[in-house]
PDB file of all heavy atoms in Angstrom:
ATOM      1  N   GLU A   1       7.170  33.190  11.387  1.00  0.00           N
ATOM      2  CA  GLU A   1       6.227  32.437  12.199  1.00  0.00           C
ATOM      3  C   GLU A   1       6.253  32.870  13.659  1.00  0.00           C
ATOM      4  O   GLU A   1       5.228  32.884  14.325  1.00  0.00           O
ATOM      5  CB  GLU A   1       6.490  30.933  12.093  1.00  0.00           C
ATOM      6  CG  GLU A   1       6.040  30.364  10.761  1.00  0.00           C
ATOM      7  CD  GLU A   1       6.406  28.922  10.556  1.00  0.00           C
ATOM      8  OE1 GLU A   1       7.097  28.336  11.411  1.00  0.00           O
ATOM      9  OE2 GLU A   1       6.002  28.365   9.514  1.00  0.00           O
ATOM     10  N   LYS A   2       7.408  33.267  14.152  1.00  0.00           N
ATOM     11  CA  LYS A   2       7.500  33.739  15.535  1.00  0.00           C
ATOM     12  C   LYS A   2       6.794  35.071  15.745  1.00  0.00           C
ATOM     13  O   LYS A   2       6.418  35.414  16.837  1.00  0.00           O
ATOM     14  CB  LYS A   2       8.960  33.816  15.962  1.00  0.00           C
ATOM     15  CG  LYS A   2       9.581  32.447  16.099  1.00  0.00           C
ATOM     16  CD  LYS A   2      11.037  32.520  16.440  1.00  0.00           C
ATOM     17  CE  LYS A   2      11.579  31.082  16.551  1.00  0.00           C
ATOM     18  NZ  LYS A   2      12.922  30.939  16.096  1.00  0.00           N
ATOM     19  N   ALA A   3       6.598  35.809  14.647  1.00  0.00           N
ATOM     20  CA  ALA A   3       5.917  37.115  14.728  1.00  0.00           C
ATOM     21  C   ALA A   3       4.409  36.992  14.552  1.00  0.00           C
ATOM     22  O   ALA A   3       3.688  37.966  14.736  1.00  0.00           O
ATOM     23  CB  ALA A   3       6.475  38.043  13.643  1.00  0.00           C
ATOM     24  N   ILE A   4       3.915  35.811  14.212  1.00  0.00           N
ATOM     25  CA  ILE A   4       2.483  35.589  14.011  1.00  0.00           C
ATOM     26  C   ILE A   4       1.772  35.725  15.364  1.00  0.00           C
ATOM     27  O   ILE A   4       2.239  35.202  16.371  1.00  0.00           O
ATOM     28  CB  ILE A   4       2.244  34.198  13.372  1.00  0.00           C
ATOM     29  CG1 ILE A   4       2.761  34.210  11.939  1.00  0.00           C
ATOM     30  CG2 ILE A   4       0.779  33.824  13.407  1.00  0.00           C
ATOM     31  CD1 ILE A   4       2.745  32.861  11.263  1.00  0.00           C
ATOM     32  N   PRO A   5       0.609  36.373  15.376  1.00  0.00           N
ATOM     33  CA  PRO A   5      -0.136  36.510  16.651  1.00  0.00           C
ATOM     34  C   PRO A   5      -0.574  35.154  17.207  1.00  0.00           C
ATOM     35  O   PRO A   5      -0.823  34.213  16.457  1.00  0.00           O
ATOM     36  CB  PRO A   5      -1.365  37.344  16.279  1.00  0.00           C
ATOM     37  CG  PRO A   5      -1.240  37.724  14.869  1.00  0.00           C
ATOM     38  CD  PRO A   5      -0.059  37.011  14.273  1.00  0.00           C
ATOM     39  N   VAL A   6      -0.697  35.099  18.516  1.00  0.00           N
ATOM     40  CA  VAL A   6      -1.127  33.877  19.214  1.00  0.00           C
ATOM     41  C   VAL A   6      -2.625  33.684  19.033  1.00  0.00           C
ATOM     42  O   VAL A   6      -3.394  34.647  19.018  1.00  0.00           O
ATOM     43  CB  VAL A   6      -0.771  33.982  20.705  1.00  0.00           C
ATOM     44  CG1 VAL A   6      -1.346  32.831  21.514  1.00  0.00           C
ATOM     45  CG2 VAL A   6       0.731  34.051  20.905  1.00  0.00           C
ATOM     46  N   LEU A   7      -3.058  32.449  18.893  1.00  0.00           N
ATOM     47  CA  LEU A   7      -4.478  32.123  18.788  1.00  0.00           C
ATOM     48  C   LEU A   7      -5.182  32.503  20.089  1.00  0.00           C
ATOM     49  O   LEU A   7      -4.763  32.127  21.174  1.00  0.00           O
ATOM     50  CB  LEU A   7      -4.652  30.614  18.539  1.00  0.00           C
ATOM     51  CG  LEU A   7      -6.083  30.094  18.461  1.00  0.00           C
ATOM     52  CD1 LEU A   7      -6.824  30.710  17.258  1.00  0.00           C
ATOM     53  CD2 LEU A   7      -6.094  28.567  18.354  1.00  0.00           C
ATOM     54  N   GLU A   8      -6.257  33.277  19.962  1.00  0.00           N
ATOM     55  CA  GLU A   8      -7.025  33.734  21.125  1.00  0.00           C
ATOM     56  C   GLU A   8      -8.517  33.469  20.920  1.00  0.00           C
ATOM     57  O   GLU A   8      -9.352  34.262  21.324  1.00  0.00           O
ATOM     58  CB  GLU A   8      -6.767  35.223  21.385  1.00  0.00           C
ATOM     59  CG  GLU A   8      -5.344  35.503  21.801  1.00  0.00           C
ATOM     60  CD  GLU A   8      -5.101  36.948  22.127  1.00  0.00           C
ATOM     61  OE1 GLU A   8      -6.045  37.759  22.084  1.00  0.00           O
ATOM     62  OE2 GLU A   8      -3.942  37.282  22.433  1.00  0.00           O
ATOM     63  N   TYR A   9      -8.848  32.358  20.327  1.00  0.00           N
ATOM     64  CA  TYR A   9     -10.233  31.984  20.054  1.00  0.00           C
ATOM     65  C   TYR A   9     -10.845  31.409  21.312  1.00  0.00           C
ATOM     66  O   TYR A   9     -10.211  30.632  22.016  1.00  0.00           O
ATOM     67  CB  TYR A   9     -10.228  30.955  18.908  1.00  0.00           C
ATOM     68  CG  TYR A   9     -11.587  30.554  18.410  1.00  0.00           C
ATOM     69  CD1 TYR A   9     -12.414  31.480  17.782  1.00  0.00           C
ATOM     70  CD2 TYR A   9     -12.019  29.234  18.520  1.00  0.00           C
ATOM     71  CE1 TYR A   9     -13.658  31.092  17.286  1.00  0.00           C
ATOM     72  CE2 TYR A   9     -13.252  28.861  18.020  1.00  0.00           C
ATOM     73  CZ  TYR A   9     -14.067  29.783  17.414  1.00  0.00           C
ATOM     74  OH  TYR A   9     -15.298  29.407  16.926  1.00  0.00           O
ATOM     75  N   ASP A  10     -12.093  31.785  21.637  1.00  0.00           N
ATOM     76  CA  ASP A  10     -12.707  31.388  22.899  1.00  0.00           C
ATOM     77  C   ASP A  10     -13.621  30.172  22.830  1.00  0.00           C
ATOM     78  O   ASP A  10     -14.065  29.670  23.868  1.00  0.00           O
ATOM     79  CB  ASP A  10     -13.531  32.570  23.457  1.00  0.00           C
ATOM     80  CG  ASP A  10     -12.656  33.731  23.864  1.00  0.00           C
ATOM     81  OD1 ASP A  10     -11.499  33.502  24.254  1.00  0.00           O
ATOM     82  OD2 ASP A  10     -13.121  34.872  23.772  1.00  0.00           O
ATOM     83  N   GLU A  11     -13.952  29.711  21.655  1.00  0.00           N
ATOM     84  CA  GLU A  11     -14.903  28.595  21.505  1.00  0.00           C
ATOM     85  C   GLU A  11     -14.152  27.269  21.382  1.00  0.00           C
ATOM     86  O   GLU A  11     -12.976  27.236  21.033  1.00  0.00           O
ATOM     87  CB  GLU A  11     -15.766  28.829  20.266  1.00  0.00           C
ATOM     88  CG  GLU A  11     -16.605  30.097  20.342  1.00  0.00           C
ATOM     89  CD  GLU A  11     -17.596  30.091  21.494  1.00  0.00           C
ATOM     90  OE1 GLU A  11     -18.215  29.059  21.728  1.00  0.00           O
ATOM     91  OE2 GLU A  11     -17.731  31.151  22.143  1.00  0.00           O
ATOM     92  N   PRO A  12     -14.871  26.144  21.633  1.00  0.00           N
ATOM     93  CA  PRO A  12     -14.233  24.832  21.487  1.00  0.00           C
ATOM     94  C   PRO A  12     -13.759  24.586  20.055  1.00  0.00           C
ATOM     95  O   PRO A  12     -14.448  24.965  19.089  1.00  0.00           O
ATOM     96  CB  PRO A  12     -15.342  23.848  21.872  1.00  0.00           C
ATOM     97  CG  PRO A  12     -16.372  24.650  22.568  1.00  0.00           C
ATOM     98  CD  PRO A  12     -16.264  26.042  22.073  1.00  0.00           C
ATOM     99  N   LEU A  13     -12.628  23.943  19.932  1.00  0.00           N
ATOM    100  CA  LEU A  13     -12.013  23.712  18.644  1.00  0.00           C
ATOM    101  C   LEU A  13     -11.162  22.453  18.735  1.00  0.00           C
ATOM    102  O   LEU A  13     -10.551  22.183  19.768  1.00  0.00           O
ATOM    103  CB  LEU A  13     -11.119  24.934  18.341  1.00  0.00           C
ATOM    104  CG  LEU A  13     -10.426  25.075  17.006  1.00  0.00           C
ATOM    105  CD1 LEU A  13     -11.451  25.261  15.882  1.00  0.00           C
ATOM    106  CD2 LEU A  13      -9.510  26.296  17.045  1.00  0.00           C
ATOM    107  N   LEU A  14     -11.132  21.685  17.678  1.00  0.00           N
ATOM    108  CA  LEU A  14     -10.229  20.554  17.595  1.00  0.00           C
ATOM    109  C   LEU A  14      -9.041  20.990  16.750  1.00  0.00           C
ATOM    110  O   LEU A  14      -9.222  21.535  15.656  1.00  0.00           O
ATOM    111  CB  LEU A  14     -10.947  19.353  16.940  1.00  0.00           C
ATOM    112  CG  LEU A  14     -10.169  18.054  16.824  1.00  0.00           C
ATOM    113  CD1 LEU A  14      -9.807  17.511  18.199  1.00  0.00           C
ATOM    114  CD2 LEU A  14     -10.978  17.033  16.051  1.00  0.00           C
ATOM    115  N   ILE A  15      -7.848  20.815  17.272  1.00  0.00           N
ATOM    116  CA  ILE A  15      -6.640  21.184  16.527  1.00  0.00           C
ATOM    117  C   ILE A  15      -5.895  19.907  16.160  1.00  0.00           C
ATOM    118  O   ILE A  15      -5.515  19.113  17.020  1.00  0.00           O
ATOM    119  CB  ILE A  15      -5.740  22.110  17.356  1.00  0.00           C
ATOM    120  CG1 ILE A  15      -6.482  23.420  17.656  1.00  0.00           C
ATOM    121  CG2 ILE A  15      -4.438  22.367  16.606  1.00  0.00           C
ATOM    122  CD1 ILE A  15      -5.732  24.382  18.531  1.00  0.00           C
ATOM    123  N   ILE A  16      -5.728  19.711  14.850  1.00  0.00           N
ATOM    124  CA  ILE A  16      -4.998  18.554  14.345  1.00  0.00           C
ATOM    125  C   ILE A  16      -3.646  19.052  13.835  1.00  0.00           C
ATOM    126  O   ILE A  16      -3.567  19.857  12.924  1.00  0.00           O
ATOM    127  CB  ILE A  16      -5.764  17.861  13.195  1.00  0.00           C
ATOM    128  CG1 ILE A  16      -7.142  17.362  13.665  1.00  0.00           C
ATOM    129  CG2 ILE A  16      -4.920  16.758  12.578  1.00  0.00           C
ATOM    130  CD1 ILE A  16      -7.103  16.218  14.685  1.00  0.00           C
ATOM    131  N   THR A  17      -2.599  18.574  14.455  1.00  0.00           N
ATOM    132  CA  THR A  17      -1.240  18.943  14.064  1.00  0.00           C
ATOM    133  C   THR A  17      -0.756  17.980  12.993  1.00  0.00           C
ATOM    134  O   THR A  17      -0.718  16.763  13.212  1.00  0.00           O
ATOM    135  CB  THR A  17      -0.296  18.924  15.268  1.00  0.00           C
ATOM    136  OG1 THR A  17      -0.782  19.874  16.230  1.00  0.00           O
ATOM    137  CG2 THR A  17       1.131  19.284  14.872  1.00  0.00           C
ATOM    138  N   LEU A  18      -0.420  18.529  11.847  1.00  0.00           N
ATOM    139  CA  LEU A  18       0.050  17.714  10.724  1.00  0.00           C
ATOM    140  C   LEU A  18       1.568  17.727  10.671  1.00  0.00           C
ATOM    141  O   LEU A  18       2.206  18.751  10.962  1.00  0.00           O
ATOM    142  CB  LEU A  18      -0.505  18.289   9.412  1.00  0.00           C
ATOM    143  CG  LEU A  18      -2.032  18.338   9.292  1.00  0.00           C
ATOM    144  CD1 LEU A  18      -2.429  19.047   8.003  1.00  0.00           C
ATOM    145  CD2 LEU A  18      -2.633  16.953   9.372  1.00  0.00           C
ATOM    146  N   GLY A  19       2.129  16.597  10.298  1.00  0.00           N
ATOM    147  CA  GLY A  19       3.561  16.503  10.086  1.00  0.00           C
ATOM    148  C   GLY A  19       3.889  16.769   8.632  1.00  0.00           C
ATOM    149  O   GLY A  19       3.044  17.226   7.857  1.00  0.00           O
ATOM    150  N   ASP A  20       5.107  16.473   8.248  1.00  0.00           N
ATOM    151  CA  ASP A  20       5.504  16.641   6.861  1.00  0.00           C
ATOM    152  C   ASP A  20       4.748  15.647   5.965  1.00  0.00           C
ATOM    153  O   ASP A  20       4.378  14.556   6.406  1.00  0.00           O
ATOM    154  CB  ASP A  20       7.015  16.424   6.692  1.00  0.00           C
ATOM    155  CG  ASP A  20       7.815  17.550   7.376  1.00  0.00           C
ATOM    156  OD1 ASP A  20       7.297  18.693   7.443  1.00  0.00           O
ATOM    157  OD2 ASP A  20       8.948  17.281   7.791  1.00  0.00           O
ATOM    158  N   TRP A  21       4.544  16.028   4.727  1.00  0.00           N
ATOM    159  CA  TRP A  21       3.748  15.249   3.779  1.00  0.00           C
ATOM    160  C   TRP A  21       4.332  13.869   3.537  1.00  0.00           C
ATOM    161  O   TRP A  21       5.541  13.681   3.420  1.00  0.00           O
ATOM    162  CB  TRP A  21       3.681  16.002   2.452  1.00  0.00           C
ATOM    163  CG  TRP A  21       2.818  15.319   1.449  1.00  0.00           C
ATOM    164  CD1 TRP A  21       3.222  14.512   0.415  1.00  0.00           C
ATOM    165  CD2 TRP A  21       1.389  15.348   1.376  1.00  0.00           C
ATOM    166  NE1 TRP A  21       2.132  14.057  -0.292  1.00  0.00           N
ATOM    167  CE2 TRP A  21       0.994  14.557   0.282  1.00  0.00           C
ATOM    168  CE3 TRP A  21       0.401  15.979   2.137  1.00  0.00           C
ATOM    169  CZ2 TRP A  21      -0.333  14.376  -0.068  1.00  0.00           C
ATOM    170  CZ3 TRP A  21      -0.910  15.796   1.780  1.00  0.00           C
ATOM    171  CH2 TRP A  21      -1.288  15.009   0.699  1.00  0.00           C
ATOM    172  N   VAL A  22       3.435  12.873   3.452  1.00  0.00           N
ATOM    173  CA  VAL A  22       3.791  11.500   3.114  1.00  0.00           C
ATOM    174  C   VAL A  22       2.894  11.095   1.939  1.00  0.00           C
ATOM    175  O   VAL A  22       1.665  11.176   2.028  1.00  0.00           O
ATOM    176  CB  VAL A  22       3.539  10.546   4.303  1.00  0.00           C
ATOM    177  CG1 VAL A  22       3.761   9.103   3.921  1.00  0.00           C
ATOM    178  CG2 VAL A  22       4.387  10.937   5.500  1.00  0.00           C
ATOM    179  N   ASP A  23       3.517  10.664   0.837  1.00  0.00           N
ATOM    180  CA  ASP A  23       2.757  10.170  -0.310  1.00  0.00           C
ATOM    181  C   ASP A  23       2.287   8.762  -0.006  1.00  0.00           C
ATOM    182  O   ASP A  23       3.098   7.834   0.083  1.00  0.00           O
ATOM    183  CB  ASP A  23       3.623  10.146  -1.569  1.00  0.00           C
ATOM    184  CG  ASP A  23       3.854  11.506  -2.169  1.00  0.00           C
ATOM    185  OD1 ASP A  23       2.874  12.264  -2.282  1.00  0.00           O
ATOM    186  OD2 ASP A  23       5.008  11.815  -2.508  1.00  0.00           O
ATOM    187  N   GLU A  24       0.993   8.608   0.211  1.00  0.00           N
ATOM    188  CA  GLU A  24       0.427   7.289   0.493  1.00  0.00           C
ATOM    189  C   GLU A  24      -1.076   7.352   0.263  1.00  0.00           C
ATOM    190  O   GLU A  24      -1.789   8.023   1.012  1.00  0.00           O
ATOM    191  CB  GLU A  24       0.701   6.872   1.936  1.00  0.00           C
ATOM    192  CG  GLU A  24       0.161   5.506   2.279  1.00  0.00           C
ATOM    193  CD  GLU A  24       0.458   5.132   3.730  1.00  0.00           C
ATOM    194  OE1 GLU A  24       1.650   5.090   4.091  1.00  0.00           O
ATOM    195  OE2 GLU A  24      -0.510   4.894   4.461  1.00  0.00           O
ATOM    196  N   GLU A  25      -1.541   6.686  -0.744  1.00  0.00           N
ATOM    197  CA  GLU A  25      -2.970   6.691  -1.060  1.00  0.00           C
ATOM    198  C   GLU A  25      -3.737   5.941   0.020  1.00  0.00           C
ATOM    199  O   GLU A  25      -3.317   4.873   0.443  1.00  0.00           O
ATOM    200  CB  GLU A  25      -3.202   6.048  -2.419  1.00  0.00           C
ATOM    201  CG  GLU A  25      -4.617   6.186  -2.918  1.00  0.00           C
ATOM    202  CD  GLU A  25      -4.791   5.677  -4.334  1.00  0.00           C
ATOM    203  OE1 GLU A  25      -4.223   6.285  -5.261  1.00  0.00           O
ATOM    204  OE2 GLU A  25      -5.480   4.662  -4.492  1.00  0.00           O
ATOM    205  N   SER A  26      -4.853   6.523   0.456  1.00  0.00           N
ATOM    206  CA  SER A  26      -5.694   5.857   1.458  1.00  0.00           C
ATOM    207  C   SER A  26      -7.124   6.372   1.367  1.00  0.00           C
ATOM    208  O   SER A  26      -7.376   7.443   0.811  1.00  0.00           O
ATOM    209  CB  SER A  26      -5.142   6.055   2.878  1.00  0.00           C
ATOM    210  OG  SER A  26      -5.115   7.417   3.204  1.00  0.00           O
ATOM    211  N   ASP A  27      -8.036   5.594   1.907  1.00  0.00           N
ATOM    212  CA  ASP A  27      -9.452   5.956   1.916  1.00  0.00           C
ATOM    213  C   ASP A  27      -9.687   7.052   2.952  1.00  0.00           C
ATOM    214  O   ASP A  27      -8.989   7.139   3.959  1.00  0.00           O
ATOM    215  CB  ASP A  27     -10.311   4.750   2.267  1.00  0.00           C
ATOM    216  CG  ASP A  27     -10.253   3.666   1.186  1.00  0.00           C
ATOM    217  OD1 ASP A  27      -9.967   4.000   0.030  1.00  0.00           O
ATOM    218  OD2 ASP A  27     -10.470   2.482   1.532  1.00  0.00           O
ATOM    219  N   ILE A  28     -10.724   7.848   2.691  1.00  0.00           N
ATOM    220  CA  ILE A  28     -11.159   8.875   3.646  1.00  0.00           C
ATOM    221  C   ILE A  28     -12.659   8.736   3.835  1.00  0.00           C
ATOM    222  O   ILE A  28     -13.330   8.110   3.014  1.00  0.00           O
ATOM    223  CB  ILE A  28     -10.784  10.300   3.181  1.00  0.00           C
ATOM    224  CG1 ILE A  28     -11.396  10.623   1.823  1.00  0.00           C
ATOM    225  CG2 ILE A  28      -9.275  10.490   3.202  1.00  0.00           C
ATOM    226  CD1 ILE A  28     -11.209  12.076   1.413  1.00  0.00           C
ATOM    227  N   PRO A  29     -13.208   9.299   4.910  1.00  0.00           N
ATOM    228  CA  PRO A  29     -14.659   9.205   5.139  1.00  0.00           C
ATOM    229  C   PRO A  29     -15.451   9.727   3.938  1.00  0.00           C
ATOM    230  O   PRO A  29     -15.047  10.695   3.285  1.00  0.00           O
ATOM    231  CB  PRO A  29     -14.863  10.097   6.362  1.00  0.00           C
ATOM    232  CG  PRO A  29     -13.556  10.030   7.090  1.00  0.00           C
ATOM    233  CD  PRO A  29     -12.524   9.984   5.997  1.00  0.00           C
ATOM    234  N   GLY A  30     -16.570   9.078   3.672  1.00  0.00           N
ATOM    235  CA  GLY A  30     -17.428   9.461   2.553  1.00  0.00           C
ATOM    236  C   GLY A  30     -17.116   8.710   1.281  1.00  0.00           C
ATOM    237  O   GLY A  30     -17.701   8.966   0.243  1.00  0.00           O
ATOM    238  N   GLY A  31     -16.159   7.775   1.339  1.00  0.00           N
ATOM    239  CA  GLY A  31     -15.851   6.955   0.175  1.00  0.00           C
ATOM    240  C   GLY A  31     -14.798   7.506  -0.757  1.00  0.00           C
ATOM    241  O   GLY A  31     -14.547   6.928  -1.802  1.00  0.00           O
ATOM    242  N   GLY A  32     -14.169   8.602  -0.397  1.00  0.00           N
ATOM    243  CA  GLY A  32     -13.133   9.173  -1.253  1.00  0.00           C
ATOM    244  C   GLY A  32     -11.776   8.566  -0.986  1.00  0.00           C
ATOM    245  O   GLY A  32     -11.593   7.689  -0.133  1.00  0.00           O
ATOM    246  N   THR A  33     -10.790   9.052  -1.722  1.00  0.00           N
ATOM    247  CA  THR A  33      -9.408   8.619  -1.590  1.00  0.00           C
ATOM    248  C   THR A  33      -8.513   9.857  -1.531  1.00  0.00           C
ATOM    249  O   THR A  33      -8.718  10.791  -2.290  1.00  0.00           O
ATOM    250  CB  THR A  33      -8.987   7.747  -2.788  1.00  0.00           C
ATOM    251  OG1 THR A  33      -9.892   6.651  -2.902  1.00  0.00           O
ATOM    252  CG2 THR A  33      -7.577   7.228  -2.648  1.00  0.00           C
ATOM    253  N   ARG A  34      -7.536   9.824  -0.651  1.00  0.00           N
ATOM    254  CA  ARG A  34      -6.547  10.897  -0.617  1.00  0.00           C
ATOM    255  C   ARG A  34      -5.227  10.340  -1.125  1.00  0.00           C
ATOM    256  O   ARG A  34      -4.951   9.147  -1.043  1.00  0.00           O
ATOM    257  CB  ARG A  34      -6.407  11.479   0.787  1.00  0.00           C
ATOM    258  CG  ARG A  34      -5.884  10.508   1.844  1.00  0.00           C
ATOM    259  CD  ARG A  34      -5.840  11.146   3.198  1.00  0.00           C
ATOM    260  NE  ARG A  34      -5.388  10.179   4.209  1.00  0.00           N
ATOM    261  CZ  ARG A  34      -5.445  10.394   5.507  1.00  0.00           C
ATOM    262  NH1 ARG A  34      -5.940  11.545   5.968  1.00  0.00           N
ATOM    263  NH2 ARG A  34      -5.003   9.503   6.362  1.00  0.00           N
ATOM    264  N   GLN A  35      -4.394  11.246  -1.648  1.00  0.00           N
ATOM    265  CA  GLN A  35      -3.135  10.849  -2.241  1.00  0.00           C
ATOM    266  C   GLN A  35      -1.967  10.840  -1.250  1.00  0.00           C
ATOM    267  O   GLN A  35      -0.854  10.466  -1.587  1.00  0.00           O
ATOM    268  CB  GLN A  35      -2.816  11.746  -3.436  1.00  0.00           C
ATOM    269  CG  GLN A  35      -3.866  11.676  -4.521  1.00  0.00           C
ATOM    270  CD  GLN A  35      -4.164  10.246  -4.945  1.00  0.00           C
ATOM    271  OE1 GLN A  35      -3.248   9.505  -5.315  1.00  0.00           O
ATOM    272  NE2 GLN A  35      -5.414   9.852  -4.877  1.00  0.00           N
ATOM    273  N   GLY A  36      -2.234  11.318  -0.048  1.00  0.00           N
ATOM    274  CA  GLY A  36      -1.198  11.363   0.982  1.00  0.00           C
ATOM    275  C   GLY A  36      -1.748  12.059   2.198  1.00  0.00           C
ATOM    276  O   GLY A  36      -2.946  12.380   2.274  1.00  0.00           O
ATOM    277  N   TYR A  37      -0.887  12.287   3.169  1.00  0.00           N
ATOM    278  CA  TYR A  37      -1.301  12.971   4.396  1.00  0.00           C
ATOM    279  C   TYR A  37      -0.128  13.794   4.930  1.00  0.00           C
ATOM    280  O   TYR A  37       1.019  13.529   4.613  1.00  0.00           O
ATOM    281  CB  TYR A  37      -1.830  11.997   5.441  1.00  0.00           C
ATOM    282  CG  TYR A  37      -0.816  10.967   5.876  1.00  0.00           C
ATOM    283  CD1 TYR A  37       0.025  11.219   6.969  1.00  0.00           C
ATOM    284  CD2 TYR A  37      -0.702   9.751   5.207  1.00  0.00           C
ATOM    285  CE1 TYR A  37       0.964  10.279   7.364  1.00  0.00           C
ATOM    286  CE2 TYR A  37       0.248   8.813   5.604  1.00  0.00           C
ATOM    287  CZ  TYR A  37       1.073   9.088   6.676  1.00  0.00           C
ATOM    288  OH  TYR A  37       2.002   8.175   7.077  1.00  0.00           O
ATOM    289  N   GLY A  38      -0.467  14.786   5.716  1.00  0.00           N
ATOM    290  CA  GLY A  38       0.547  15.685   6.263  1.00  0.00           C
ATOM    291  C   GLY A  38       0.421  17.058   5.630  1.00  0.00           C
ATOM    292  O   GLY A  38      -0.651  17.440   5.141  1.00  0.00           O
ATOM    293  N   TYR A  39       1.535  17.784   5.579  1.00  0.00           N
ATOM    294  CA  TYR A  39       1.523  19.150   5.097  1.00  0.00           C
ATOM    295  C   TYR A  39       2.736  19.360   4.192  1.00  0.00           C
ATOM    296  O   TYR A  39       3.865  19.000   4.549  1.00  0.00           O
ATOM    297  CB  TYR A  39       1.578  20.115   6.293  1.00  0.00           C
ATOM    298  CG  TYR A  39       1.163  21.513   5.962  1.00  0.00           C
ATOM    299  CD1 TYR A  39      -0.169  21.883   6.002  1.00  0.00           C
ATOM    300  CD2 TYR A  39       2.099  22.474   5.608  1.00  0.00           C
ATOM    301  CE1 TYR A  39      -0.555  23.169   5.713  1.00  0.00           C
ATOM    302  CE2 TYR A  39       1.727  23.768   5.318  1.00  0.00           C
ATOM    303  CZ  TYR A  39       0.383  24.107   5.363  1.00  0.00           C
ATOM    304  OH  TYR A  39      -0.017  25.381   5.057  1.00  0.00           O
ATOM    305  N   LYS A  40       2.509  19.937   3.018  1.00  0.00           N
ATOM    306  CA  LYS A  40       3.586  20.208   2.071  1.00  0.00           C
ATOM    307  C   LYS A  40       4.170  21.589   2.326  1.00  0.00           C
ATOM    308  O   LYS A  40       3.435  22.546   2.561  1.00  0.00           O
ATOM    309  CB  LYS A  40       3.051  20.141   0.637  1.00  0.00           C
ATOM    310  CG  LYS A  40       2.580  18.756   0.232  1.00  0.00           C
ATOM    311  CD  LYS A  40       2.075  18.746  -1.201  1.00  0.00           C
ATOM    312  CE  LYS A  40       1.596  17.359  -1.603  1.00  0.00           C
ATOM    313  NZ  LYS A  40       1.072  17.356  -2.992  1.00  0.00           N
TER     314      LYS A  40
END
């Protein structure tokens, strides 16, 4: 990961930093359901 190139994108962007995965069912926009949140 330390060898990965740095982000050099010039346009506006939203960056969402995810933590470790949590198993927890919840609603999401559009009427769906997710089984958890974070990153595995």
